[in-house]
């Protein structure tokens, strides 16, 4: 530890913050992967504006900030001559780590969305007729429709006149899980 004792005071501070935050970060990660249900968020008196997964004042965000601040200070200490500039860069690195954490959480939350296709999501939407639809419910044709960014082919019937291939149709009723009732647009 002789190398540590010979360091300037500010660099020692950065090393202590980086080491402590890294240790706490590793412990948090192990507890997360093991499934330990430890609530590390601090209770704050607020009007609810920081509710949900994006709470600003949490132990996890403090650790992320200190991780970036400490390692930013260690990495940039010899890069700049001014200690004020090193402190500013370390502060910005800490803020970047918190922002990066929010971005990663947001991406993971997108994975949990239910984007499964439900035929009821097609109601009142326009579609393209893929296979001509015979008139007066005398048979079925097919339509193509985009729902939640994916194209679907659905059986279609109409009570009115025949709707030809390439024409537009509006879905007005769901008949069953595979068939809809459309009108010509």
N, C-alpha and C. Protein backbone atom coordinates (compact mmCIF):
# COMPACT_ATOMS: atom_id res chain seq x y z
N UNK A 1 0.81 -1.20 0.00
CA UNK A 1 0.00 0.00 0.00
C UNK A 1 0.85 1.26 0.00
N UNK A 2 2.14 1.09 -0.23
CA UNK A 2 3.04 2.25 -0.25
C UNK A 2 2.69 3.19 -1.40
N UNK A 3 2.29 2.62 -2.55
CA UNK A 3 1.91 3.46 -3.68
C UNK A 3 0.73 4.36 -3.34
N UNK A 4 -0.20 3.84 -2.53
CA UNK A 4 -1.39 4.60 -2.15
C UNK A 4 -1.02 5.77 -1.24
N UNK A 5 -0.11 5.54 -0.32
CA UNK A 5 0.28 6.58 0.62
C UNK A 5 1.02 7.72 -0.06
N UNK A 6 1.65 7.46 -1.19
CA UNK A 6 2.40 8.48 -1.91
C UNK A 6 1.52 9.30 -2.86
N UNK A 7 0.24 8.95 -3.00
CA UNK A 7 -0.65 9.67 -3.92
C UNK A 7 -1.08 11.00 -3.32
N UNK A 8 -1.41 11.97 -4.17
CA UNK A 8 -1.98 13.23 -3.68
C UNK A 8 -3.34 12.97 -3.02
N UNK A 9 -3.76 13.84 -2.14
CA UNK A 9 -4.98 13.66 -1.36
C UNK A 9 -6.22 13.50 -2.25
N UNK A 10 -6.34 14.33 -3.29
CA UNK A 10 -7.51 14.25 -4.18
C UNK A 10 -7.57 12.90 -4.90
N UNK A 11 -6.43 12.41 -5.36
CA UNK A 11 -6.39 11.13 -6.05
C UNK A 11 -6.71 9.99 -5.08
N UNK A 12 -6.25 10.11 -3.82
CA UNK A 12 -6.62 9.11 -2.80
C UNK A 12 -8.13 9.07 -2.62
N UNK A 13 -8.74 10.27 -2.58
CA UNK A 13 -10.19 10.36 -2.41
C UNK A 13 -10.89 9.65 -3.57
N UNK A 14 -10.45 9.91 -4.80
CA UNK A 14 -11.06 9.26 -5.96
C UNK A 14 -10.90 7.74 -5.88
N UNK A 15 -9.72 7.25 -5.48
CA UNK A 15 -9.50 5.81 -5.36
C UNK A 15 -10.40 5.21 -4.30
N UNK A 16 -10.58 5.89 -3.18
CA UNK A 16 -11.45 5.36 -2.11
C UNK A 16 -12.92 5.32 -2.56
N UNK A 17 -13.35 6.38 -3.22
CA UNK A 17 -14.73 6.40 -3.72
C UNK A 17 -14.92 5.31 -4.78
N UNK A 18 -13.98 5.20 -5.71
CA UNK A 18 -14.09 4.20 -6.77
C UNK A 18 -14.07 2.79 -6.20
N UNK A 19 -13.18 2.54 -5.26
CA UNK A 19 -13.09 1.21 -4.65
C UNK A 19 -14.33 0.85 -3.85
N UNK A 20 -14.79 1.78 -3.02
CA UNK A 20 -15.99 1.52 -2.21
C UNK A 20 -17.23 1.34 -3.07
N UNK A 21 -17.41 2.21 -4.07
CA UNK A 21 -18.57 2.09 -4.95
C UNK A 21 -18.51 0.81 -5.77
N UNK A 22 -17.31 0.43 -6.21
CA UNK A 22 -17.16 -0.82 -6.97
C UNK A 22 -17.51 -2.03 -6.12
N UNK A 23 -17.05 -2.03 -4.88
CA UNK A 23 -17.37 -3.13 -3.97
C UNK A 23 -18.87 -3.22 -3.73
N UNK A 24 -19.50 -2.08 -3.46
CA UNK A 24 -20.94 -2.06 -3.22
C UNK A 24 -21.70 -2.46 -4.49
N UNK A 25 -21.22 -2.04 -5.67
CA UNK A 25 -21.84 -2.39 -6.94
C UNK A 25 -21.78 -3.90 -7.16
N UNK A 26 -20.64 -4.51 -6.89
CA UNK A 26 -20.50 -5.96 -7.05
C UNK A 26 -21.44 -6.70 -6.10
N UNK A 27 -21.53 -6.22 -4.86
CA UNK A 27 -22.45 -6.84 -3.89
C UNK A 27 -23.90 -6.71 -4.39
N UNK A 28 -24.27 -5.53 -4.90
CA UNK A 28 -25.62 -5.35 -5.44
C UNK A 28 -25.89 -6.31 -6.60
N UNK A 29 -24.91 -6.46 -7.48
CA UNK A 29 -25.09 -7.34 -8.64
C UNK A 29 -25.25 -8.79 -8.20
N UNK A 30 -24.44 -9.22 -7.26
CA UNK A 30 -24.55 -10.60 -6.76
C UNK A 30 -25.92 -10.81 -6.13
N UNK A 31 -26.36 -9.85 -5.32
CA UNK A 31 -27.67 -9.97 -4.68
C UNK A 31 -28.79 -9.98 -5.71
N UNK A 32 -28.63 -9.22 -6.77
CA UNK A 32 -29.65 -9.19 -7.83
C UNK A 32 -29.72 -10.53 -8.54
N UNK A 33 -28.56 -11.10 -8.89
CA UNK A 33 -28.55 -12.37 -9.61
C UNK A 33 -28.96 -13.54 -8.73
N UNK A 34 -28.67 -13.46 -7.43
CA UNK A 34 -29.07 -14.51 -6.51
C UNK A 34 -30.56 -14.43 -6.22
N UNK A 35 -31.11 -13.23 -6.39
CA UNK A 35 -32.54 -13.05 -6.16
C UNK A 35 -32.86 -12.54 -4.78
N UNK A 36 -31.90 -11.97 -4.12
CA UNK A 36 -32.17 -11.40 -2.80
C UNK A 36 -33.06 -10.19 -2.98
N UNK A 37 -34.19 -10.20 -2.34
CA UNK A 37 -35.16 -9.13 -2.48
C UNK A 37 -34.90 -7.99 -1.53
N UNK A 38 -33.77 -7.38 -1.63
CA UNK A 38 -33.44 -6.26 -0.75
C UNK A 38 -33.86 -4.98 -1.43
N UNK A 39 -34.67 -4.18 -0.73
CA UNK A 39 -35.11 -2.91 -1.26
C UNK A 39 -34.06 -1.87 -0.91
N UNK A 40 -33.36 -1.36 -1.93
CA UNK A 40 -32.29 -0.42 -1.67
C UNK A 40 -32.72 1.02 -1.92
N UNK A 41 -34.01 1.26 -2.16
CA UNK A 41 -34.47 2.61 -2.43
C UNK A 41 -34.78 3.34 -1.13
N UNK A 42 -34.41 4.62 -1.09
CA UNK A 42 -34.71 5.44 0.07
C UNK A 42 -36.12 5.98 -0.07
N UNK A 43 -36.83 6.07 1.03
CA UNK A 43 -38.13 6.71 1.03
C UNK A 43 -37.92 8.21 1.00
N UNK A 44 -38.62 8.88 0.10
CA UNK A 44 -38.52 10.33 0.04
C UNK A 44 -39.91 10.92 0.15
N UNK A 45 -40.00 12.07 0.74
CA UNK A 45 -41.27 12.78 0.79
C UNK A 45 -41.39 13.59 -0.48
N UNK A 46 -42.27 13.13 -1.37
CA UNK A 46 -42.43 13.84 -2.63
C UNK A 46 -43.89 13.76 -3.04
N UNK A 47 -44.20 14.46 -4.10
CA UNK A 47 -45.57 14.46 -4.61
C UNK A 47 -45.82 13.31 -5.57
N UNK A 48 -44.90 12.35 -5.64
CA UNK A 48 -45.07 11.19 -6.51
C UNK A 48 -44.46 11.38 -7.88
N UNK A 49 -43.73 12.46 -8.09
CA UNK A 49 -43.19 12.70 -9.42
C UNK A 49 -42.03 11.79 -9.76
N UNK A 50 -41.46 11.08 -8.79
CA UNK A 50 -40.36 10.17 -9.05
C UNK A 50 -40.79 8.72 -8.87
N UNK A 51 -42.05 8.42 -9.11
CA UNK A 51 -42.55 7.06 -8.93
C UNK A 51 -42.13 6.17 -10.09
N UNK A 52 -42.22 4.88 -9.87
CA UNK A 52 -41.91 3.92 -10.92
C UNK A 52 -40.43 3.56 -10.93
N UNK A 53 -39.99 2.94 -12.03
CA UNK A 53 -38.60 2.47 -12.10
C UNK A 53 -37.60 3.60 -12.25
N UNK A 54 -38.06 4.82 -12.49
CA UNK A 54 -37.14 5.93 -12.73
C UNK A 54 -37.07 6.88 -11.54
N UNK A 55 -37.02 6.34 -10.34
CA UNK A 55 -36.84 7.18 -9.17
C UNK A 55 -35.42 7.72 -9.19
N UNK A 56 -35.28 8.99 -8.89
CA UNK A 56 -33.99 9.64 -8.98
C UNK A 56 -33.13 9.38 -7.76
N UNK A 57 -33.72 9.45 -6.58
CA UNK A 57 -32.94 9.34 -5.35
C UNK A 57 -33.05 7.93 -4.77
N UNK A 58 -32.18 7.04 -5.24
CA UNK A 58 -32.13 5.67 -4.74
C UNK A 58 -30.68 5.33 -4.40
N UNK A 59 -30.51 4.31 -3.60
CA UNK A 59 -29.16 3.83 -3.27
C UNK A 59 -28.46 3.36 -4.54
N UNK A 60 -29.21 2.68 -5.42
CA UNK A 60 -28.62 2.18 -6.66
C UNK A 60 -28.09 3.34 -7.52
N UNK A 61 -28.86 4.42 -7.63
CA UNK A 61 -28.39 5.57 -8.40
C UNK A 61 -27.21 6.26 -7.72
N UNK A 62 -27.21 6.29 -6.40
CA UNK A 62 -26.07 6.86 -5.68
C UNK A 62 -24.81 6.05 -5.97
N UNK A 63 -24.94 4.73 -5.94
CA UNK A 63 -23.79 3.86 -6.24
C UNK A 63 -23.34 4.07 -7.68
N UNK A 64 -24.29 4.16 -8.63
CA UNK A 64 -23.93 4.39 -10.03
C UNK A 64 -23.20 5.72 -10.19
N UNK A 65 -23.70 6.76 -9.51
CA UNK A 65 -23.04 8.06 -9.59
C UNK A 65 -21.63 8.00 -9.00
N UNK A 66 -21.51 7.42 -7.81
CA UNK A 66 -20.20 7.35 -7.17
C UNK A 66 -19.22 6.48 -7.97
N UNK A 67 -19.73 5.45 -8.61
CA UNK A 67 -18.91 4.61 -9.46
C UNK A 67 -18.32 5.43 -10.61
N UNK A 68 -19.17 6.19 -11.29
CA UNK A 68 -18.70 7.04 -12.38
C UNK A 68 -17.82 8.17 -11.89
N UNK A 69 -18.20 8.79 -10.76
CA UNK A 69 -17.42 9.90 -10.21
C UNK A 69 -16.03 9.44 -9.79
N UNK A 70 -15.98 8.34 -9.04
CA UNK A 70 -14.69 7.83 -8.55
C UNK A 70 -13.77 7.40 -9.67
N UNK A 71 -14.28 6.55 -10.55
CA UNK A 71 -13.44 6.06 -11.65
C UNK A 71 -13.13 7.16 -12.66
N UNK A 72 -14.06 8.10 -12.83
CA UNK A 72 -13.78 9.25 -13.70
C UNK A 72 -12.63 10.08 -13.14
N UNK A 73 -12.64 10.30 -11.82
CA UNK A 73 -11.56 11.04 -11.19
C UNK A 73 -10.23 10.31 -11.29
N UNK A 74 -10.24 9.00 -11.06
CA UNK A 74 -9.00 8.21 -11.15
C UNK A 74 -8.45 8.25 -12.58
N UNK A 75 -9.33 8.07 -13.56
CA UNK A 75 -8.88 7.99 -14.95
C UNK A 75 -8.40 9.34 -15.50
N UNK A 76 -9.06 10.42 -15.10
CA UNK A 76 -8.74 11.71 -15.68
C UNK A 76 -7.83 12.57 -14.81
N UNK A 77 -7.40 12.06 -13.67
CA UNK A 77 -6.57 12.87 -12.75
C UNK A 77 -5.28 13.35 -13.42
N UNK A 78 -4.60 12.49 -14.12
CA UNK A 78 -3.34 12.86 -14.77
C UNK A 78 -3.53 13.45 -16.16
N UNK A 79 -4.78 13.49 -16.63
CA UNK A 79 -5.06 14.04 -17.95
C UNK A 79 -5.10 15.56 -17.94
N UNK A 80 -5.64 16.13 -16.88
CA UNK A 80 -5.81 17.58 -16.78
C UNK A 80 -4.91 18.14 -15.68
N UNK A 81 -4.41 19.34 -15.89
CA UNK A 81 -3.58 20.00 -14.88
C UNK A 81 -4.41 20.62 -13.77
N UNK A 82 -5.62 21.02 -14.09
CA UNK A 82 -6.49 21.71 -13.13
C UNK A 82 -7.34 20.69 -12.35
N UNK A 83 -7.29 20.79 -11.01
CA UNK A 83 -8.12 19.89 -10.20
C UNK A 83 -9.60 20.24 -10.33
N UNK A 84 -9.91 21.52 -10.61
CA UNK A 84 -11.30 21.91 -10.83
C UNK A 84 -11.84 21.22 -12.07
N UNK A 85 -11.04 21.17 -13.12
CA UNK A 85 -11.45 20.50 -14.36
C UNK A 85 -11.62 19.00 -14.14
N UNK A 86 -10.72 18.40 -13.36
CA UNK A 86 -10.83 16.97 -13.03
C UNK A 86 -12.13 16.72 -12.27
N UNK A 87 -12.45 17.59 -11.31
CA UNK A 87 -13.69 17.43 -10.54
C UNK A 87 -14.93 17.56 -11.44
N UNK A 88 -14.89 18.51 -12.36
CA UNK A 88 -16.02 18.68 -13.28
C UNK A 88 -16.18 17.46 -14.17
N UNK A 89 -15.09 16.95 -14.71
CA UNK A 89 -15.15 15.76 -15.56
C UNK A 89 -15.63 14.55 -14.76
N UNK A 90 -15.16 14.40 -13.52
CA UNK A 90 -15.61 13.30 -12.67
C UNK A 90 -17.10 13.42 -12.37
N UNK A 91 -17.56 14.64 -12.11
CA UNK A 91 -18.98 14.87 -11.85
C UNK A 91 -19.81 14.52 -13.08
N UNK A 92 -19.37 14.95 -14.25
CA UNK A 92 -20.08 14.63 -15.49
C UNK A 92 -20.08 13.13 -15.77
N UNK A 93 -18.98 12.46 -15.44
CA UNK A 93 -18.92 11.01 -15.62
C UNK A 93 -19.92 10.32 -14.70
N UNK A 94 -20.05 10.79 -13.47
CA UNK A 94 -21.04 10.23 -12.55
C UNK A 94 -22.46 10.42 -13.05
N UNK A 95 -22.76 11.60 -13.55
CA UNK A 95 -24.09 11.87 -14.11
C UNK A 95 -24.33 11.00 -15.33
N UNK A 96 -23.31 10.81 -16.15
CA UNK A 96 -23.43 9.94 -17.32
C UNK A 96 -23.76 8.50 -16.90
N UNK A 97 -23.14 8.01 -15.84
CA UNK A 97 -23.41 6.65 -15.37
C UNK A 97 -24.88 6.50 -14.95
N UNK A 98 -25.43 7.50 -14.26
CA UNK A 98 -26.84 7.44 -13.85
C UNK A 98 -27.73 7.47 -15.09
N UNK A 99 -27.43 8.36 -16.04
CA UNK A 99 -28.22 8.43 -17.28
C UNK A 99 -28.14 7.12 -18.06
N UNK A 100 -26.97 6.52 -18.09
CA UNK A 100 -26.80 5.24 -18.78
C UNK A 100 -27.64 4.15 -18.10
N UNK A 101 -27.68 4.16 -16.78
CA UNK A 101 -28.51 3.21 -16.04
C UNK A 101 -29.98 3.39 -16.40
N UNK A 102 -30.46 4.65 -16.45
CA UNK A 102 -31.85 4.90 -16.83
C UNK A 102 -32.13 4.39 -18.24
N UNK A 103 -31.20 4.62 -19.17
CA UNK A 103 -31.38 4.15 -20.55
C UNK A 103 -31.49 2.63 -20.59
N UNK A 104 -30.61 1.94 -19.88
CA UNK A 104 -30.62 0.47 -19.87
C UNK A 104 -31.92 -0.06 -19.27
N UNK A 105 -32.38 0.54 -18.17
CA UNK A 105 -33.64 0.12 -17.55
C UNK A 105 -34.80 0.33 -18.52
N UNK A 106 -34.80 1.46 -19.22
CA UNK A 106 -35.86 1.73 -20.19
C UNK A 106 -35.89 0.68 -21.29
N UNK A 107 -34.72 0.26 -21.76
CA UNK A 107 -34.65 -0.76 -22.79
C UNK A 107 -35.17 -2.11 -22.28
N UNK A 108 -34.83 -2.45 -21.04
CA UNK A 108 -35.32 -3.70 -20.46
C UNK A 108 -36.84 -3.66 -20.26
N UNK A 109 -37.39 -2.51 -19.91
CA UNK A 109 -38.83 -2.41 -19.73
C UNK A 109 -39.57 -2.60 -21.05
N UNK A 110 -38.95 -2.22 -22.16
CA UNK A 110 -39.57 -2.45 -23.47
C UNK A 110 -39.73 -3.93 -23.74
N UNK A 111 -38.82 -4.75 -23.21
CA UNK A 111 -38.90 -6.19 -23.42
C UNK A 111 -40.11 -6.80 -22.74
N UNK A 112 -40.63 -6.14 -21.71
CA UNK A 112 -41.76 -6.67 -20.96
C UNK A 112 -43.11 -6.30 -21.54
N UNK A 113 -43.15 -5.49 -22.59
CA UNK A 113 -44.42 -5.08 -23.17
C UNK A 113 -45.08 -6.25 -23.89
N UNK A 114 -46.41 -6.27 -23.83
CA UNK A 114 -47.18 -7.31 -24.51
C UNK A 114 -47.51 -6.81 -25.91
N UNK A 115 -46.79 -7.31 -26.89
CA UNK A 115 -47.04 -6.93 -28.27
C UNK A 115 -47.70 -8.06 -29.05
N UNK A 116 -48.37 -8.96 -28.34
CA UNK A 116 -49.02 -10.06 -29.03
C UNK A 116 -50.23 -9.54 -29.82
N UNK A 117 -50.51 -10.21 -30.90
CA UNK A 117 -51.59 -9.80 -31.79
C UNK A 117 -52.94 -10.22 -31.21
N UNK A 118 -53.85 -9.26 -31.16
CA UNK A 118 -55.25 -9.52 -30.78
C UNK A 118 -56.10 -9.00 -31.93
N UNK A 119 -56.96 -9.83 -32.41
CA UNK A 119 -57.77 -9.44 -33.57
C UNK A 119 -58.65 -8.23 -33.25
N UNK A 120 -58.98 -8.03 -31.99
CA UNK A 120 -59.80 -6.87 -31.61
C UNK A 120 -59.04 -5.55 -31.82
N UNK A 121 -57.71 -5.60 -31.91
CA UNK A 121 -56.92 -4.39 -32.16
C UNK A 121 -57.10 -3.88 -33.60
N UNK A 122 -57.77 -4.65 -34.44
CA UNK A 122 -57.94 -4.25 -35.84
C UNK A 122 -59.21 -3.42 -36.07
N UNK A 123 -60.10 -3.37 -35.09
CA UNK A 123 -61.37 -2.65 -35.26
C UNK A 123 -61.15 -1.20 -35.66
N UNK A 124 -61.97 -0.75 -36.60
CA UNK A 124 -61.96 0.63 -37.10
C UNK A 124 -60.67 1.02 -37.80
N UNK A 125 -59.89 0.06 -38.23
CA UNK A 125 -58.65 0.35 -38.95
C UNK A 125 -58.82 0.03 -40.42
N UNK A 126 -58.08 0.75 -41.24
CA UNK A 126 -58.10 0.51 -42.69
C UNK A 126 -57.14 -0.62 -43.03
N UNK A 127 -57.48 -1.33 -44.09
CA UNK A 127 -56.64 -2.45 -44.52
C UNK A 127 -56.64 -2.53 -46.04
N UNK A 128 -55.73 -3.33 -46.56
CA UNK A 128 -55.67 -3.58 -48.00
C UNK A 128 -56.26 -4.96 -48.28
N UNK A 129 -57.09 -5.03 -49.28
CA UNK A 129 -57.68 -6.31 -49.66
C UNK A 129 -56.61 -7.09 -50.42
N UNK A 130 -56.30 -8.28 -49.91
CA UNK A 130 -55.25 -9.12 -50.47
C UNK A 130 -55.84 -10.13 -51.44
N UNK A 131 -56.99 -10.70 -51.07
CA UNK A 131 -57.71 -11.66 -51.89
C UNK A 131 -59.16 -11.17 -51.94
N UNK A 132 -59.72 -11.00 -53.11
CA UNK A 132 -61.05 -10.40 -53.27
C UNK A 132 -62.06 -10.99 -52.29
N UNK A 133 -62.90 -10.10 -51.77
CA UNK A 133 -63.92 -10.50 -50.79
C UNK A 133 -65.27 -10.53 -51.50
N UNK A 134 -65.89 -11.73 -51.62
CA UNK A 134 -67.21 -11.83 -52.27
C UNK A 134 -68.25 -11.03 -51.49
N UNK A 135 -69.22 -10.47 -52.20
CA UNK A 135 -70.24 -9.64 -51.56
C UNK A 135 -71.29 -10.44 -50.81
N UNK A 136 -72.02 -9.72 -49.97
CA UNK A 136 -73.19 -10.23 -49.23
C UNK A 136 -72.91 -11.49 -48.45
N UNK A 137 -71.79 -11.56 -47.75
CA UNK A 137 -71.39 -12.68 -46.89
C UNK A 137 -71.47 -14.03 -47.60
N UNK A 138 -71.20 -14.02 -48.92
CA UNK A 138 -71.28 -15.28 -49.66
C UNK A 138 -69.97 -16.05 -49.66
N UNK A 139 -68.95 -15.51 -49.03
CA UNK A 139 -67.66 -16.18 -48.96
C UNK A 139 -66.65 -15.28 -48.26
N UNK A 140 -65.43 -15.81 -48.17
CA UNK A 140 -64.38 -15.06 -47.48
C UNK A 140 -63.28 -14.69 -48.43
N UNK A 141 -62.72 -13.53 -48.17
CA UNK A 141 -61.51 -13.10 -48.86
C UNK A 141 -60.44 -12.88 -47.79
N UNK A 142 -59.40 -12.17 -48.16
CA UNK A 142 -58.33 -11.90 -47.18
C UNK A 142 -57.93 -10.44 -47.25
N UNK A 143 -57.57 -9.92 -46.08
CA UNK A 143 -57.05 -8.56 -46.01
C UNK A 143 -55.67 -8.60 -45.36
N UNK A 144 -54.88 -7.56 -45.64
CA UNK A 144 -53.60 -7.37 -44.97
C UNK A 144 -53.71 -6.10 -44.14
N UNK A 145 -53.23 -6.18 -42.90
CA UNK A 145 -53.29 -5.03 -42.01
C UNK A 145 -52.04 -5.00 -41.14
N UNK A 146 -51.59 -3.80 -40.84
CA UNK A 146 -50.44 -3.64 -39.96
C UNK A 146 -50.94 -3.28 -38.56
N UNK A 147 -50.57 -4.11 -37.60
CA UNK A 147 -50.94 -3.88 -36.20
C UNK A 147 -49.66 -3.96 -35.36
N UNK A 148 -49.37 -2.91 -34.62
CA UNK A 148 -48.18 -2.82 -33.76
C UNK A 148 -46.90 -3.11 -34.54
N UNK A 149 -46.85 -2.63 -35.77
CA UNK A 149 -45.65 -2.75 -36.56
C UNK A 149 -45.47 -4.07 -37.30
N UNK A 150 -46.44 -4.97 -37.23
CA UNK A 150 -46.34 -6.26 -37.91
C UNK A 150 -47.55 -6.43 -38.85
N UNK A 151 -47.29 -6.99 -40.03
CA UNK A 151 -48.36 -7.24 -40.99
C UNK A 151 -49.04 -8.58 -40.69
N UNK A 152 -50.37 -8.57 -40.82
CA UNK A 152 -51.16 -9.78 -40.58
C UNK A 152 -52.12 -9.97 -41.73
N UNK A 153 -52.33 -11.24 -42.08
CA UNK A 153 -53.31 -11.62 -43.08
C UNK A 153 -54.50 -12.19 -42.34
N UNK A 154 -55.69 -11.63 -42.60
CA UNK A 154 -56.88 -12.03 -41.86
C UNK A 154 -58.00 -12.34 -42.85
N UNK A 155 -58.79 -13.37 -42.54
CA UNK A 155 -59.98 -13.67 -43.34
C UNK A 155 -60.97 -12.53 -43.18
N UNK A 156 -61.66 -12.19 -44.27
CA UNK A 156 -62.60 -11.07 -44.22
C UNK A 156 -63.86 -11.39 -45.00
N UNK A 157 -64.97 -10.84 -44.52
CA UNK A 157 -66.27 -10.94 -45.18
C UNK A 157 -66.86 -9.54 -45.25
N UNK A 158 -67.82 -9.36 -46.16
CA UNK A 158 -68.52 -8.08 -46.25
C UNK A 158 -70.01 -8.32 -46.48
N UNK A 159 -70.84 -7.41 -45.97
CA UNK A 159 -72.29 -7.51 -46.18
C UNK A 159 -72.68 -6.77 -47.46
N UNK A 160 -71.82 -5.90 -47.91
CA UNK A 160 -72.11 -5.10 -49.10
C UNK A 160 -71.66 -5.79 -50.36
N UNK A 161 -71.29 -4.98 -51.35
CA UNK A 161 -70.85 -5.50 -52.65
C UNK A 161 -69.43 -6.03 -52.56
N UNK A 162 -69.05 -6.78 -53.57
CA UNK A 162 -67.72 -7.39 -53.67
C UNK A 162 -66.65 -6.31 -53.55
N UNK A 163 -65.55 -6.65 -52.85
CA UNK A 163 -64.41 -5.74 -52.72
C UNK A 163 -63.23 -6.43 -53.41
N UNK A 164 -62.69 -5.78 -54.43
CA UNK A 164 -61.64 -6.39 -55.24
C UNK A 164 -60.25 -6.29 -54.61
N UNK A 165 -59.35 -7.11 -55.14
CA UNK A 165 -57.96 -7.12 -54.70
C UNK A 165 -57.33 -5.75 -54.91
N UNK A 166 -56.60 -5.27 -53.90
CA UNK A 166 -55.92 -3.98 -53.99
C UNK A 166 -56.75 -2.81 -53.49
N UNK A 167 -58.03 -3.03 -53.25
CA UNK A 167 -58.88 -1.95 -52.74
C UNK A 167 -58.72 -1.82 -51.23
N UNK A 168 -59.21 -0.72 -50.70
CA UNK A 168 -59.13 -0.46 -49.26
C UNK A 168 -60.44 -0.86 -48.60
N UNK A 169 -60.30 -1.40 -47.37
CA UNK A 169 -61.48 -1.80 -46.60
C UNK A 169 -61.27 -1.41 -45.14
N UNK A 170 -62.38 -1.10 -44.48
CA UNK A 170 -62.33 -0.74 -43.06
C UNK A 170 -62.98 -1.86 -42.26
N UNK A 171 -62.32 -2.25 -41.18
CA UNK A 171 -62.83 -3.33 -40.34
C UNK A 171 -63.87 -2.75 -39.39
N UNK A 172 -65.08 -3.33 -39.42
CA UNK A 172 -66.17 -2.81 -38.60
C UNK A 172 -66.62 -3.77 -37.50
N UNK A 173 -66.26 -5.06 -37.62
CA UNK A 173 -66.70 -6.03 -36.62
C UNK A 173 -65.78 -7.24 -36.64
N UNK A 174 -65.56 -7.83 -35.47
CA UNK A 174 -64.81 -9.07 -35.37
C UNK A 174 -65.83 -10.20 -35.31
N UNK A 175 -65.76 -11.10 -36.28
CA UNK A 175 -66.72 -12.22 -36.33
C UNK A 175 -66.24 -13.36 -35.42
N UNK A 176 -64.98 -13.76 -35.58
CA UNK A 176 -64.38 -14.76 -34.70
C UNK A 176 -62.88 -14.48 -34.65
N UNK A 177 -62.10 -15.37 -34.07
CA UNK A 177 -60.67 -15.14 -33.90
C UNK A 177 -59.87 -15.11 -35.20
N UNK A 178 -60.53 -15.47 -36.31
CA UNK A 178 -59.80 -15.50 -37.59
C UNK A 178 -60.49 -14.70 -38.69
N UNK A 179 -61.65 -14.13 -38.40
CA UNK A 179 -62.46 -13.49 -39.45
C UNK A 179 -62.99 -12.14 -38.96
N UNK A 180 -62.99 -11.17 -39.88
CA UNK A 180 -63.54 -9.85 -39.57
C UNK A 180 -64.55 -9.47 -40.64
N UNK A 181 -65.42 -8.53 -40.27
CA UNK A 181 -66.40 -7.97 -41.22
C UNK A 181 -65.88 -6.61 -41.64
N UNK A 182 -65.84 -6.37 -42.96
CA UNK A 182 -65.28 -5.11 -43.47
C UNK A 182 -66.29 -4.41 -44.36
N UNK A 183 -66.04 -3.11 -44.56
CA UNK A 183 -66.80 -2.33 -45.55
C UNK A 183 -65.79 -1.69 -46.49
N UNK A 184 -66.23 -1.43 -47.71
CA UNK A 184 -65.38 -0.80 -48.71
C UNK A 184 -65.19 0.67 -48.35
N UNK A 185 -63.94 1.15 -48.50
CA UNK A 185 -63.66 2.57 -48.25
C UNK A 185 -63.69 3.31 -49.56
